Amino acid sequence: MLHIHIKKFNELNTTELYEFLKLRSEIFVVEQNCVYQDLDDKDKKALHVIGIRDNIIVAYTRIFGPGDYFKEASIGRVAVDKRYRRFGYGKEIMESSIKGVQEHFNIDTIQLSAQTYLIKFYSSLGFKKVGEEYLEDDIPHIKMIMN
């Protein structure tokens, strides 16, 4: 089980910031072989959902209120350390993120930009596909909404 913390940018300590940026880089840049600008200034607006096991950040998302990123509240940068994926932490961090959106923004409609290979995973959490597939950083994605 993960210990979940939700923090504003100015509540993060430097170790937490370093560790989740490292995790995002390991997954989205190195593992997925995708060169893109991860540091996009949106982290300053986001709430950071951090999943810790054995004092290590092993899962992460960032959440936004309506209008902060998309028209709807949203969840993004969903990341689980490759060494910990078999424990169900992806589902656990997403459930905590959904709950975080509901509690912090008092809203139930949530959008995400899902990598298409994860459609089944996000569908199992209540998200539905909207529109057509598109490329984001040369990786196939699809808009998904939960109401």
C-alpha atoms as a PDB file:
ATOM      1  CA  MET A   1       0.000   0.000   0.000  1.00  0.00           C
ATOM      2  CA  LEU A   2       1.170   3.492  -0.849  1.00  0.00           C
ATOM      3  CA  HIS A   3       1.341   6.450   1.478  1.00  0.00           C
ATOM      4  CA  ILE A   4      -0.274   9.236  -0.545  1.00  0.00           C
ATOM      5  CA  HIS A   5       0.460  12.934  -0.130  1.00  0.00           C
ATOM      6  CA  ILE A   6      -1.151  15.754  -2.106  1.00  0.00           C
ATOM      7  CA  LYS A   7       0.831  18.980  -2.089  1.00  0.00           C
ATOM      8  CA  LYS A   8       0.856  22.381  -3.738  1.00  0.00           C
ATOM      9  CA  PHE A   9       4.074  23.347  -5.496  1.00  0.00           C
ATOM     10  CA  ASN A  10       5.181  25.669  -2.686  1.00  0.00           C
ATOM     11  CA  GLU A  11       4.663  22.876  -0.123  1.00  0.00           C
ATOM     12  CA  LEU A  12       7.102  20.506  -1.825  1.00  0.00           C
ATOM     13  CA  ASN A  13      10.559  20.084  -0.403  1.00  0.00           C
ATOM     14  CA  THR A  14      13.535  19.904  -2.750  1.00  0.00           C
ATOM     15  CA  THR A  15      13.949  16.149  -2.277  1.00  0.00           C
ATOM     16  CA  GLU A  16      10.324  15.452  -3.248  1.00  0.00           C
ATOM     17  CA  LEU A  17      10.584  17.733  -6.275  1.00  0.00           C
ATOM     18  CA  TYR A  18      13.838  16.123  -7.396  1.00  0.00           C
ATOM     19  CA  GLU A  19      12.519  12.580  -6.902  1.00  0.00           C
ATOM     20  CA  PHE A  20       9.262  12.983  -8.838  1.00  0.00           C
ATOM     21  CA  LEU A  21      10.945  14.922 -11.654  1.00  0.00           C
ATOM     22  CA  LYS A  22      13.518  12.121 -11.840  1.00  0.00           C
ATOM     23  CA  LEU A  23      10.702   9.539 -11.987  1.00  0.00           C
ATOM     24  CA  ARG A  24       8.908  11.462 -14.745  1.00  0.00           C
ATOM     25  CA  SER A  25      12.153  11.749 -16.717  1.00  0.00           C
ATOM     26  CA  GLU A  26      12.919   8.030 -16.306  1.00  0.00           C
ATOM     27  CA  ILE A  27       9.514   7.099 -17.708  1.00  0.00           C
ATOM     28  CA  PHE A  28       8.499   9.770 -20.196  1.00  0.00           C
ATOM     29  CA  VAL A  29      11.930  10.614 -21.634  1.00  0.00           C
ATOM     30  CA  VAL A  30      14.179   7.563 -21.193  1.00  0.00           C
ATOM     31  CA  GLU A  31      11.799   4.568 -21.104  1.00  0.00           C
ATOM     32  CA  GLN A  32       9.489   5.942 -23.810  1.00  0.00           C
ATOM     33  CA  ASN A  33      12.422   7.326 -25.802  1.00  0.00           C
ATOM     34  CA  CYS A  34      10.701  10.696 -26.179  1.00  0.00           C
ATOM     35  CA  VAL A  35      12.559  13.972 -26.080  1.00  0.00           C
ATOM     36  CA  TYR A  36      10.203  16.674 -24.852  1.00  0.00           C
ATOM     37  CA  GLN A  37      10.101  19.554 -22.383  1.00  0.00           C
ATOM     38  CA  ASP A  38       8.701  18.040 -19.176  1.00  0.00           C
ATOM     39  CA  LEU A  39       9.320  21.179 -17.122  1.00  0.00           C
ATOM     40  CA  ASP A  40       6.447  23.207 -18.537  1.00  0.00           C
ATOM     41  CA  ASP A  41       5.666  25.723 -15.765  1.00  0.00           C
ATOM     42  CA  LYS A  42       2.354  23.923 -15.162  1.00  0.00           C
ATOM     43  CA  ASP A  43       3.851  22.237 -12.101  1.00  0.00           C
ATOM     44  CA  LYS A  44       3.547  25.568 -10.311  1.00  0.00           C
ATOM     45  CA  LYS A  45      -0.257  25.469 -10.761  1.00  0.00           C
ATOM     46  CA  ALA A  46      -0.744  21.747 -10.141  1.00  0.00           C
ATOM     47  CA  LEU A  47      -1.439  19.742  -7.038  1.00  0.00           C
ATOM     48  CA  HIS A  48       1.116  16.949  -6.854  1.00  0.00           C
ATOM     49  CA  VAL A  49      -0.087  13.484  -5.867  1.00  0.00           C
ATOM     50  CA  ILE A  50       2.875  11.555  -4.523  1.00  0.00           C
ATOM     51  CA  GLY A  51       2.829   7.824  -3.752  1.00  0.00           C
ATOM     52  CA  ILE A  52       5.528   6.664  -1.355  1.00  0.00           C
ATOM     53  CA  ARG A  53       6.617   3.164  -0.426  1.00  0.00           C
ATOM     54  CA  ASP A  54       9.639   2.462   1.770  1.00  0.00           C
ATOM     55  CA  ASN A  55      10.497   6.198   1.760  1.00  0.00           C
ATOM     56  CA  ILE A  56      10.760   6.192  -2.053  1.00  0.00           C
ATOM     57  CA  ILE A  57       8.450   8.006  -4.473  1.00  0.00           C
ATOM     58  CA  VAL A  58       7.224   5.151  -6.646  1.00  0.00           C
ATOM     59  CA  ALA A  59       4.044   6.696  -8.103  1.00  0.00           C
ATOM     60  CA  TYR A  60       3.031  10.194  -9.085  1.00  0.00           C
ATOM     61  CA  THR A  61       0.401  12.315 -10.844  1.00  0.00           C
ATOM     62  CA  ARG A  62      -0.380  15.969 -11.037  1.00  0.00           C
ATOM     63  CA  ILE A  63      -3.927  17.306 -10.890  1.00  0.00           C
ATOM     64  CA  PHE A  64      -5.466  20.586 -12.014  1.00  0.00           C
ATOM     65  CA  GLY A  65      -8.689  22.432 -11.415  1.00  0.00           C
ATOM     66  CA  PRO A  66     -11.016  23.386 -14.271  1.00  0.00           C
ATOM     67  CA  GLY A  67      -9.366  25.884 -16.600  1.00  0.00           C
ATOM     68  CA  ASP A  68      -5.859  25.399 -15.183  1.00  0.00           C
ATOM     69  CA  TYR A  69      -4.804  23.029 -17.975  1.00  0.00           C
ATOM     70  CA  PHE A  70      -7.921  21.890 -19.827  1.00  0.00           C
ATOM     71  CA  LYS A  71     -11.471  23.199 -19.671  1.00  0.00           C
ATOM     72  CA  GLU A  72     -12.247  20.392 -17.221  1.00  0.00           C
ATOM     73  CA  ALA A  73     -10.348  19.409 -14.097  1.00  0.00           C
ATOM     74  CA  SER A  74      -7.580  17.041 -15.148  1.00  0.00           C
ATOM     75  CA  ILE A  75      -5.030  14.437 -14.166  1.00  0.00           C
ATOM     76  CA  GLY A  76      -1.689  14.139 -15.930  1.00  0.00           C
ATOM     77  CA  ARG A  77       1.865  12.881 -15.803  1.00  0.00           C
ATOM     78  CA  VAL A  78       0.688   9.545 -14.400  1.00  0.00           C
ATOM     79  CA  ALA A  79       3.883   7.687 -13.538  1.00  0.00           C
ATOM     80  CA  VAL A  80       4.747   4.478 -11.694  1.00  0.00           C
ATOM     81  CA  ASP A  81       8.329   3.357 -11.227  1.00  0.00           C
ATOM     82  CA  LYS A  82       8.953   0.355 -13.508  1.00  0.00           C
ATOM     83  CA  ARG A  83      10.188  -1.728 -10.554  1.00  0.00           C
ATOM     84  CA  TYR A  84       6.857  -1.271  -8.726  1.00  0.00           C
ATOM     85  CA  ARG A  85       4.265  -1.732 -11.500  1.00  0.00           C
ATOM     86  CA  ARG A  86       3.186  -5.219 -10.475  1.00  0.00           C
ATOM     87  CA  PHE A  87       1.739  -4.006  -7.150  1.00  0.00           C
ATOM     88  CA  GLY A  88      -1.304  -2.127  -8.486  1.00  0.00           C
ATOM     89  CA  TYR A  89       0.117   1.283  -7.644  1.00  0.00           C
ATOM     90  CA  GLY A  90      -1.114   2.740 -10.935  1.00  0.00           C
ATOM     91  CA  LYS A  91      -4.679   2.102  -9.884  1.00  0.00           C
ATOM     92  CA  GLU A  92      -4.002   3.278  -6.345  1.00  0.00           C
ATOM     93  CA  ILE A  93      -2.409   6.593  -7.412  1.00  0.00           C
ATOM     94  CA  MET A  94      -5.207   7.195  -9.936  1.00  0.00           C
ATOM     95  CA  GLU A  95      -7.940   6.521  -7.361  1.00  0.00           C
ATOM     96  CA  SER A  96      -6.212   8.936  -4.985  1.00  0.00           C
ATOM     97  CA  SER A  97      -5.920  11.490  -7.789  1.00  0.00           C
ATOM     98  CA  ILE A  98      -9.620  11.210  -8.665  1.00  0.00           C
ATOM     99  CA  LYS A  99     -10.489  11.630  -4.999  1.00  0.00           C
ATOM    100  CA  GLY A 100      -8.071  14.568  -4.816  1.00  0.00           C
ATOM    101  CA  VAL A 101      -9.799  16.328  -7.719  1.00  0.00           C
ATOM    102  CA  GLN A 102     -13.193  15.746  -6.114  1.00  0.00           C
ATOM    103  CA  GLU A 103     -12.082  16.994  -2.682  1.00  0.00           C
ATOM    104  CA  HIS A 104      -9.884  19.940  -3.699  1.00  0.00           C
ATOM    105  CA  PHE A 105     -11.994  21.258  -6.566  1.00  0.00           C
ATOM    106  CA  ASN A 106     -15.448  19.955  -5.576  1.00  0.00           C
ATOM    107  CA  ILE A 107     -15.998  18.566  -9.063  1.00  0.00           C
ATOM    108  CA  ASP A 108     -16.586  15.133 -10.591  1.00  0.00           C
ATOM    109  CA  THR A 109     -15.836  15.730 -14.284  1.00  0.00           C
ATOM    110  CA  ILE A 110     -12.185  14.937 -14.994  1.00  0.00           C
ATOM    111  CA  GLN A 111     -10.256  14.905 -18.262  1.00  0.00           C
ATOM    112  CA  LEU A 112      -7.018  13.221 -19.179  1.00  0.00           C
ATOM    113  CA  SER A 113      -4.909  12.762 -22.261  1.00  0.00           C
ATOM    114  CA  ALA A 114      -4.323   9.008 -22.248  1.00  0.00           C
ATOM    115  CA  GLN A 115      -1.651   7.140 -24.117  1.00  0.00           C
ATOM    116  CA  THR A 116      -3.777   4.827 -26.256  1.00  0.00           C
ATOM    117  CA  TYR A 117      -2.197   1.623 -24.958  1.00  0.00           C
ATOM    118  CA  LEU A 118      -3.674   2.530 -21.542  1.00  0.00           C
ATOM    119  CA  ILE A 119      -7.305   2.980 -22.683  1.00  0.00           C
ATOM    120  CA  LYS A 120      -8.413  -0.234 -20.967  1.00  0.00           C
ATOM    121  CA  PHE A 121      -6.738   0.809 -17.699  1.00  0.00           C
ATOM    122  CA  TYR A 122      -8.375   4.252 -17.640  1.00  0.00           C
ATOM    123  CA  SER A 123     -11.715   2.795 -18.758  1.00  0.00           C
ATOM    124  CA  SER A 124     -11.616   0.489 -15.734  1.00  0.00           C
ATOM    125  CA  LEU A 125     -11.494   3.626 -13.567  1.00  0.00           C
ATOM    126  CA  GLY A 126     -14.575   5.137 -15.228  1.00  0.00           C
ATOM    127  CA  PHE A 127     -13.042   7.235 -18.011  1.00  0.00           C
ATOM    128  CA  LYS A 128     -14.603   7.182 -21.504  1.00  0.00           C
ATOM    129  CA  LYS A 129     -12.942   7.923 -24.846  1.00  0.00           C
ATOM    130  CA  VAL A 130     -13.858  11.215 -26.480  1.00  0.00           C
ATOM    131  CA  GLY A 131     -12.932  12.000 -30.083  1.00  0.00           C
ATOM    132  CA  GLU A 132     -10.194  10.583 -32.238  1.00  0.00           C
ATOM    133  CA  GLU A 133      -6.669   9.467 -31.506  1.00  0.00           C
ATOM    134  CA  TYR A 134      -3.980  12.142 -31.881  1.00  0.00           C
ATOM    135  CA  LEU A 135      -0.222  12.381 -31.525  1.00  0.00           C
ATOM    136  CA  GLU A 136       1.283  14.111 -28.520  1.00  0.00           C
ATOM    137  CA  ASP A 137       5.085  14.161 -28.590  1.00  0.00           C
ATOM    138  CA  ASP A 138       4.874  11.496 -31.346  1.00  0.00           C
ATOM    139  CA  ILE A 139       3.006   9.096 -29.022  1.00  0.00           C
ATOM    140  CA  PRO A 140      -0.622   8.110 -29.806  1.00  0.00           C
ATOM    141  CA  HIS A 141      -3.062   9.602 -27.253  1.00  0.00           C
ATOM    142  CA  ILE A 142      -6.798   9.945 -26.830  1.00  0.00           C
ATOM    143  CA  LYS A 143      -8.882  12.358 -24.793  1.00  0.00           C
ATOM    144  CA  MET A 144     -10.784  10.627 -22.007  1.00  0.00           C
ATOM    145  CA  ILE A 145     -13.426  12.054 -19.660  1.00  0.00           C
ATOM    146  CA  MET A 146     -14.917  10.843 -16.385  1.00  0.00           C
ATOM    147  CA  ASN A 147     -18.296  12.306 -15.337  1.00  0.00           C
END
